[in-house]
N, C-alpha and C. Protein backbone atom coordinates (compact mmCIF):
# COMPACT_ATOMS: atom_id res chain seq x y z
N MET A 1 111.40 57.41 356.17
CA MET A 1 111.06 56.25 356.71
C MET A 1 109.72 56.20 357.35
N SER A 2 108.79 55.28 357.12
CA SER A 2 107.43 55.37 357.49
C SER A 2 107.24 54.23 358.60
N VAL A 3 106.66 54.68 359.74
CA VAL A 3 106.42 53.71 360.75
C VAL A 3 104.86 53.61 360.94
N LYS A 4 104.42 52.15 360.90
CA LYS A 4 103.03 51.74 361.00
C LYS A 4 102.81 51.76 362.61
N THR A 5 101.75 52.39 362.97
CA THR A 5 101.31 52.25 364.34
C THR A 5 99.95 51.76 364.30
N GLU A 6 99.88 50.48 364.69
CA GLU A 6 98.61 49.56 364.58
C GLU A 6 98.05 49.43 366.06
N MET A 7 96.72 49.53 366.05
CA MET A 7 96.11 49.28 367.25
C MET A 7 96.07 47.78 367.60
N LYS A 8 96.38 47.60 368.84
CA LYS A 8 96.45 46.00 369.13
C LYS A 8 95.07 45.37 369.33
N LEU A 9 94.65 44.51 368.41
CA LEU A 9 93.38 43.96 368.65
C LEU A 9 93.56 42.69 369.52
N ASP A 10 92.35 42.46 370.26
CA ASP A 10 92.28 41.25 371.18
C ASP A 10 92.59 40.12 370.30
N PRO A 11 93.32 39.10 370.54
CA PRO A 11 93.62 37.98 369.76
C PRO A 11 92.33 37.22 369.31
N VAL A 12 91.34 37.10 369.93
CA VAL A 12 90.14 36.48 369.62
C VAL A 12 89.43 37.35 368.45
N ILE A 13 89.39 38.64 368.77
CA ILE A 13 88.76 39.47 367.71
C ILE A 13 89.64 39.42 366.42
N GLU A 14 90.94 39.48 366.55
CA GLU A 14 91.82 39.32 365.31
C GLU A 14 91.44 38.16 364.53
N LYS A 15 91.43 36.95 365.20
CA LYS A 15 91.03 35.72 364.48
C LYS A 15 89.73 35.81 363.88
N LEU A 16 88.81 36.33 364.60
CA LEU A 16 87.49 36.47 364.01
C LEU A 16 87.50 37.43 362.71
N VAL A 17 88.18 38.43 362.81
CA VAL A 17 88.27 39.41 361.70
C VAL A 17 89.00 38.66 360.50
N LEU A 18 90.01 37.92 360.68
CA LEU A 18 90.77 37.33 359.61
C LEU A 18 89.92 36.17 359.03
N HIS A 19 89.06 35.40 359.90
CA HIS A 19 88.25 34.33 359.36
C HIS A 19 87.11 34.98 358.64
N TRP A 20 86.47 35.99 359.06
CA TRP A 20 85.33 36.56 358.40
C TRP A 20 85.81 37.06 356.88
N GLY A 21 87.07 37.64 356.83
CA GLY A 21 87.57 38.01 355.61
C GLY A 21 87.73 36.80 354.68
N GLU A 22 88.11 35.69 355.22
CA GLU A 22 88.36 34.54 354.33
C GLU A 22 87.06 33.94 353.93
N MET A 23 86.05 34.12 354.75
CA MET A 23 84.64 33.65 354.56
C MET A 23 84.06 34.64 353.36
N GLY A 24 84.38 35.87 353.54
CA GLY A 24 83.81 36.78 352.53
C GLY A 24 84.43 36.58 351.09
N ALA A 25 85.87 36.31 351.13
CA ALA A 25 86.40 35.99 350.02
C ALA A 25 85.80 34.71 349.15
N ARG A 26 85.50 33.73 349.91
CA ARG A 26 84.84 32.57 349.40
C ARG A 26 83.52 32.92 349.01
N TRP A 27 82.79 33.81 349.40
CA TRP A 27 81.45 34.12 349.17
C TRP A 27 81.37 35.18 348.01
N GLY A 28 82.49 35.66 347.55
CA GLY A 28 82.58 36.59 346.36
C GLY A 28 82.63 38.02 346.86
N ILE A 29 82.99 38.28 348.20
CA ILE A 29 82.92 39.60 348.80
C ILE A 29 84.43 39.93 348.91
N SER A 30 84.63 41.05 348.70
CA SER A 30 86.06 41.54 348.99
C SER A 30 86.49 41.19 350.34
N ARG A 31 87.86 40.75 350.46
CA ARG A 31 88.17 40.29 351.75
C ARG A 31 88.33 41.59 352.83
N MET A 32 88.75 42.66 352.24
CA MET A 32 88.79 43.94 353.01
C MET A 32 87.46 44.31 353.50
N VAL A 33 86.49 44.23 352.59
CA VAL A 33 85.10 44.66 352.99
C VAL A 33 84.64 43.64 354.13
N ALA A 34 84.79 42.47 354.11
CA ALA A 34 84.55 41.50 355.08
C ALA A 34 85.08 41.76 356.39
N GLN A 35 86.49 42.05 356.23
CA GLN A 35 87.26 42.39 357.53
C GLN A 35 86.81 43.66 358.26
N ILE A 36 86.55 44.54 357.42
CA ILE A 36 86.09 45.76 358.13
C ILE A 36 84.63 45.61 358.74
N HIS A 37 83.83 44.74 357.99
CA HIS A 37 82.58 44.53 358.57
C HIS A 37 82.78 43.62 359.91
N ALA A 38 83.45 42.93 359.89
CA ALA A 38 83.78 42.01 361.08
C ALA A 38 84.28 42.81 362.36
N LEU A 39 85.17 43.67 362.07
CA LEU A 39 85.64 44.54 362.95
C LEU A 39 84.53 45.41 363.65
N LEU A 40 83.70 46.01 362.78
CA LEU A 40 82.50 46.84 363.28
C LEU A 40 81.66 45.92 363.91
N HIS A 41 81.31 44.78 363.45
CA HIS A 41 80.37 43.93 364.07
C HIS A 41 80.68 43.55 365.37
N PHE A 42 81.97 43.24 365.74
CA PHE A 42 82.38 42.67 366.98
C PHE A 42 82.91 43.88 367.90
N SER A 43 82.98 44.93 367.47
CA SER A 43 83.33 46.11 368.27
C SER A 43 82.28 46.60 369.18
N PRO A 44 82.63 46.77 370.41
CA PRO A 44 81.66 47.09 371.41
C PRO A 44 81.03 48.54 371.31
N LYS A 45 81.74 49.32 370.57
CA LYS A 45 81.28 50.72 370.29
C LYS A 45 81.56 51.10 368.87
N PRO A 46 80.81 52.20 368.30
CA PRO A 46 81.11 52.55 367.01
C PRO A 46 82.56 53.01 366.84
N MET A 47 83.03 52.79 365.50
CA MET A 47 84.50 53.18 365.21
C MET A 47 84.52 54.23 364.11
N ALA A 48 85.49 55.16 364.32
CA ALA A 48 85.76 56.05 363.21
C ALA A 48 86.69 55.44 362.12
N ALA A 49 86.57 55.99 361.02
CA ALA A 49 87.43 55.40 360.02
C ALA A 49 88.93 55.32 360.27
N ASP A 50 89.34 56.30 360.98
CA ASP A 50 90.76 56.44 361.42
C ASP A 50 91.20 55.23 362.29
N GLU A 51 90.11 54.88 363.19
CA GLU A 51 90.30 53.88 364.00
C GLU A 51 90.46 52.49 363.34
N ILE A 52 89.62 52.27 362.30
CA ILE A 52 89.53 51.17 361.65
C ILE A 52 90.95 50.96 360.71
N VAL A 53 91.49 52.08 360.13
CA VAL A 53 92.71 52.26 359.51
C VAL A 53 93.86 51.68 360.59
N GLU A 54 93.79 52.20 361.67
CA GLU A 54 94.76 51.96 362.66
C GLU A 54 94.68 50.39 363.16
N ALA A 55 93.41 49.88 363.37
CA ALA A 55 93.31 48.57 363.82
C ALA A 55 93.80 47.46 362.75
N LEU A 56 93.42 47.76 361.53
CA LEU A 56 93.80 46.81 360.53
C LEU A 56 94.97 47.17 359.79
N GLY A 57 95.59 48.11 359.86
CA GLY A 57 96.83 48.63 359.32
C GLY A 57 96.63 48.60 357.73
N VAL A 58 95.61 49.22 357.30
CA VAL A 58 95.31 49.26 355.90
C VAL A 58 95.15 50.67 355.49
N ALA A 59 95.27 51.00 354.17
CA ALA A 59 95.19 52.40 353.65
C ALA A 59 93.74 52.93 353.88
N ARG A 60 93.77 54.22 354.15
CA ARG A 60 92.51 54.90 354.36
C ARG A 60 91.59 54.87 353.19
N SER A 61 92.11 54.82 352.02
CA SER A 61 91.16 54.83 350.74
C SER A 61 90.55 53.28 350.65
N HIS A 62 91.11 52.24 351.09
CA HIS A 62 90.41 51.01 351.24
C HIS A 62 89.35 51.01 352.30
N VAL A 63 89.72 51.47 353.40
CA VAL A 63 88.65 51.74 354.42
C VAL A 63 87.45 52.50 353.96
N SER A 64 87.71 53.73 353.24
CA SER A 64 86.64 54.51 352.86
C SER A 64 85.77 53.96 351.88
N ASN A 65 86.29 53.22 350.85
CA ASN A 65 85.60 52.48 349.81
C ASN A 65 84.85 51.32 350.44
N SER A 66 85.38 50.56 351.22
CA SER A 66 84.74 49.50 351.94
C SER A 66 83.60 49.98 352.62
N LEU A 67 83.64 50.99 353.46
CA LEU A 67 82.63 51.51 354.28
C LEU A 67 81.54 51.97 353.45
N LYS A 68 81.80 52.60 352.27
CA LYS A 68 80.68 52.98 351.30
C LYS A 68 79.87 51.83 350.73
N GLU A 69 80.74 50.72 350.36
CA GLU A 69 80.04 49.45 350.00
C GLU A 69 79.03 48.96 351.01
N LEU A 70 79.60 48.74 352.33
CA LEU A 70 78.84 48.36 353.48
C LEU A 70 77.68 49.15 353.68
N GLN A 71 77.74 50.33 353.51
CA GLN A 71 76.59 51.27 353.67
C GLN A 71 75.66 51.09 352.69
N SER A 72 75.94 51.00 351.44
CA SER A 72 75.16 50.62 350.28
C SER A 72 74.30 49.33 350.41
N TRP A 73 74.82 48.53 351.08
CA TRP A 73 74.11 47.21 351.40
C TRP A 73 73.23 47.23 352.48
N GLY A 74 73.48 48.32 353.33
CA GLY A 74 72.68 48.43 354.67
C GLY A 74 72.99 47.68 355.68
N VAL A 75 74.31 47.31 355.79
CA VAL A 75 74.80 46.48 357.13
C VAL A 75 75.55 47.45 357.98
N VAL A 76 75.99 48.69 357.53
CA VAL A 76 76.74 49.49 358.31
C VAL A 76 76.08 50.87 358.19
N LYS A 77 76.05 51.50 359.35
CA LYS A 77 75.37 52.89 359.37
C LYS A 77 76.27 53.93 360.11
N VAL A 78 76.10 55.16 359.62
CA VAL A 78 76.89 56.24 360.34
C VAL A 78 76.17 56.66 361.57
N VAL A 79 77.09 56.90 362.68
CA VAL A 79 76.55 57.24 363.93
C VAL A 79 77.41 58.37 364.53
N HIS A 80 76.91 59.15 365.20
CA HIS A 80 77.56 60.31 365.68
C HIS A 80 77.86 60.22 367.21
N VAL A 81 79.02 60.39 367.64
CA VAL A 81 79.37 60.32 369.05
C VAL A 81 79.59 61.74 369.59
N MET A 82 78.93 61.80 370.87
CA MET A 82 78.94 63.14 371.53
C MET A 82 80.43 63.61 371.71
N GLY A 83 80.82 64.79 371.39
CA GLY A 83 82.07 65.36 371.62
C GLY A 83 83.01 65.04 370.63
N ASP A 84 82.66 64.30 369.50
CA ASP A 84 83.69 63.98 368.38
C ASP A 84 82.90 64.26 367.08
N ARG A 85 83.60 65.13 366.32
CA ARG A 85 83.09 65.63 365.02
C ARG A 85 83.18 64.55 363.98
N ARG A 86 83.95 63.55 364.20
CA ARG A 86 84.14 62.53 363.09
C ARG A 86 82.89 61.62 362.96
N GLU A 87 82.64 60.99 361.80
CA GLU A 87 81.76 60.01 361.64
C GLU A 87 82.20 58.73 362.12
N HIS A 88 81.32 58.17 362.93
CA HIS A 88 81.70 56.78 363.44
C HIS A 88 80.69 55.84 362.74
N PHE A 89 81.14 54.48 362.62
CA PHE A 89 80.45 53.50 361.93
C PHE A 89 80.13 52.46 362.86
N GLN A 90 78.99 51.86 362.52
CA GLN A 90 78.33 50.70 363.48
C GLN A 90 77.61 49.64 362.53
N SER A 91 77.87 48.54 362.78
CA SER A 91 77.33 47.35 362.14
C SER A 91 75.98 46.86 362.67
N ILE A 92 75.00 46.24 361.91
CA ILE A 92 73.98 45.67 362.32
C ILE A 92 74.38 44.71 363.35
N LYS A 93 73.75 44.57 364.43
CA LYS A 93 74.04 43.56 365.45
C LYS A 93 73.13 42.26 365.36
N ASP A 94 72.03 42.32 364.78
CA ASP A 94 70.98 41.27 364.58
C ASP A 94 71.58 40.28 363.57
N VAL A 95 71.99 39.01 364.01
CA VAL A 95 72.61 38.35 363.15
C VAL A 95 71.78 37.83 361.92
N TRP A 96 70.52 37.61 362.25
CA TRP A 96 69.61 37.06 361.19
C TRP A 96 69.41 38.15 360.12
N GLN A 97 69.27 39.33 360.57
CA GLN A 97 69.04 40.40 359.57
C GLN A 97 70.23 40.61 358.82
N LEU A 98 71.46 40.56 359.35
CA LEU A 98 72.62 40.60 358.65
C LEU A 98 72.77 39.55 357.71
N PHE A 99 72.46 38.42 358.02
CA PHE A 99 72.55 36.98 357.21
C PHE A 99 71.55 37.23 355.93
N GLU A 100 70.47 37.81 356.27
CA GLU A 100 69.50 38.17 355.09
C GLU A 100 70.09 39.04 354.11
N ILE A 101 70.69 40.22 354.67
CA ILE A 101 71.05 41.14 353.56
C ILE A 101 72.23 40.55 352.99
N LEU A 102 73.28 40.06 353.56
CA LEU A 102 74.44 39.45 352.86
C LEU A 102 74.03 38.31 351.87
N LEU A 103 72.99 37.60 352.27
CA LEU A 103 72.60 36.51 351.35
C LEU A 103 71.87 37.19 350.00
N ASP A 104 71.03 38.13 350.28
CA ASP A 104 70.62 38.94 349.15
C ASP A 104 71.72 39.58 348.29
N GLU A 105 72.65 40.22 348.84
CA GLU A 105 73.62 40.96 348.22
C GLU A 105 74.44 39.92 347.37
N ARG A 106 74.82 38.70 347.95
CA ARG A 106 75.53 37.59 347.34
C ARG A 106 74.65 37.07 346.10
N LYS A 107 73.36 36.88 346.27
CA LYS A 107 72.51 36.46 345.31
C LYS A 107 72.53 37.46 344.00
N THR A 108 72.31 38.67 344.23
CA THR A 108 72.24 39.73 343.39
C THR A 108 73.60 39.84 342.51
N ALA A 109 74.63 39.66 343.27
CA ALA A 109 76.11 39.81 342.60
C ALA A 109 76.27 38.43 341.87
N ARG A 110 75.90 37.38 342.30
CA ARG A 110 76.46 36.08 341.65
C ARG A 110 75.35 35.24 340.73
N ASP A 111 74.14 35.57 340.91
CA ASP A 111 73.24 34.85 340.17
C ASP A 111 72.85 35.46 338.85
N GLY A 112 73.51 36.64 338.54
CA GLY A 112 73.10 37.26 337.33
C GLY A 112 71.79 38.09 337.10
N SER A 113 71.14 38.14 338.34
CA SER A 113 69.81 38.85 338.29
C SER A 113 69.82 40.31 337.63
N HIS A 114 71.00 40.81 337.78
CA HIS A 114 71.16 42.22 337.16
C HIS A 114 71.37 42.18 335.70
N THR A 115 71.56 40.99 335.17
CA THR A 115 71.56 40.77 333.80
C THR A 115 70.38 40.15 333.13
N GLN A 116 69.45 39.76 333.80
CA GLN A 116 68.29 39.03 333.40
C GLN A 116 67.52 39.97 332.34
N ASP A 117 67.37 41.20 332.67
CA ASP A 117 66.52 42.06 331.70
C ASP A 117 67.40 42.57 330.59
N ALA A 118 68.60 42.26 330.55
CA ALA A 118 69.54 42.86 329.37
C ALA A 118 69.12 42.43 328.06
N PRO A 119 68.73 41.13 327.78
CA PRO A 119 68.44 40.71 326.42
C PRO A 119 67.09 41.47 326.00
N GLY A 120 66.08 41.51 326.97
CA GLY A 120 64.85 42.26 326.63
C GLY A 120 65.10 43.73 326.44
N ASN A 121 65.90 44.26 327.12
CA ASN A 121 66.21 45.67 327.02
C ASN A 121 66.84 45.95 325.65
N ALA A 122 67.87 45.13 325.35
CA ALA A 122 68.59 45.21 324.02
C ALA A 122 67.68 45.04 322.87
N GLY A 123 66.73 43.96 322.96
CA GLY A 123 65.82 43.71 321.85
C GLY A 123 64.82 44.97 321.66
N ALA A 124 64.50 45.57 322.78
CA ALA A 124 63.47 46.69 322.73
C ALA A 124 64.25 47.86 322.00
N ASP A 125 65.36 48.07 321.91
CA ASP A 125 66.07 49.17 321.36
C ASP A 125 65.91 49.18 319.85
N GLN A 126 65.31 50.33 319.43
CA GLN A 126 65.02 50.33 318.05
C GLN A 126 66.23 49.98 317.05
N ARG A 127 67.35 50.36 317.42
CA ARG A 127 68.48 50.01 316.46
C ARG A 127 68.70 48.49 316.25
N TRP A 128 68.21 47.68 317.22
CA TRP A 128 68.20 46.27 316.97
C TRP A 128 67.12 45.82 316.01
N HIS A 129 66.09 46.54 315.80
CA HIS A 129 65.08 46.06 314.97
C HIS A 129 65.18 46.53 313.50
N GLN A 130 65.94 47.51 313.29
CA GLN A 130 65.97 48.03 311.89
C GLN A 130 66.72 47.01 311.02
N GLY A 131 65.88 46.73 309.99
CA GLY A 131 66.30 45.76 309.09
C GLY A 131 66.25 44.43 309.40
N GLY A 132 65.48 43.95 310.46
CA GLY A 132 65.48 42.51 311.00
C GLY A 132 66.90 42.08 311.21
N CYS A 133 67.69 42.84 311.91
CA CYS A 133 68.94 42.41 312.30
C CYS A 133 69.20 40.98 312.75
N LEU A 134 70.22 40.31 312.41
CA LEU A 134 70.43 38.90 312.85
C LEU A 134 70.59 38.93 314.39
N HIS A 135 71.25 39.91 314.75
CA HIS A 135 71.66 40.05 316.35
C HIS A 135 70.35 40.23 317.15
N SER A 136 69.34 41.04 316.48
CA SER A 136 68.12 41.08 317.16
C SER A 136 67.40 39.83 317.32
N ARG A 137 67.41 38.97 316.25
CA ARG A 137 66.55 37.69 316.37
C ARG A 137 67.41 36.72 317.50
N ALA A 138 68.75 36.87 317.45
CA ALA A 138 69.52 36.09 318.55
C ALA A 138 69.10 36.60 319.79
N VAL A 139 69.04 37.88 320.08
CA VAL A 139 68.89 38.41 321.48
C VAL A 139 67.54 38.14 321.91
N GLU A 140 66.45 38.26 321.02
CA GLU A 140 65.13 37.95 321.34
C GLU A 140 64.96 36.37 321.58
N GLY A 141 65.66 35.56 320.82
CA GLY A 141 65.55 34.23 321.09
C GLY A 141 66.20 33.73 322.64
N ASP A 142 67.26 34.32 322.85
CA ASP A 142 67.93 34.11 324.09
C ASP A 142 67.20 34.79 325.25
N ALA A 143 66.33 35.58 325.09
CA ALA A 143 65.60 36.26 326.10
C ALA A 143 64.73 35.28 327.03
N GLY A 144 64.33 34.24 326.45
CA GLY A 144 63.58 33.20 327.01
C GLY A 144 64.53 32.33 328.05
N PHE A 145 65.75 32.32 327.65
CA PHE A 145 66.82 31.60 328.51
C PHE A 145 67.12 32.25 329.78
N PHE A 146 67.12 33.44 329.85
CA PHE A 146 67.39 34.44 330.95
C PHE A 146 66.18 34.24 331.84
């Protein structure tokens, strides 16, 4: 039999974390990623991954993957706490900087900017040009659309 031991969050922080998760889901960001970010953002001190697991009552793997994603965006960084060998995580506290980063991340994920070069790259591939392939002409024609 497994017993979950969850850290008791302040009711206001709990509501903020849940709401942040809902906002993230509507923006196309994973609910778990958004909730972990909110917890770190509103936390008065850096938190270890184990503390995040305990506070949210979620799997360690979800926390690890979400922290990696938040670090890749640049909104969460690793900090070290004196006397503790574990890595602790801290969110950017500047709301404007945070908003800029999240807006850029959402734009990149949603507007297809990562696919804008795909037709040009595919058209440049020699295999597309061999024999005047019909697909080559279609891709080259669509490149202007993107």
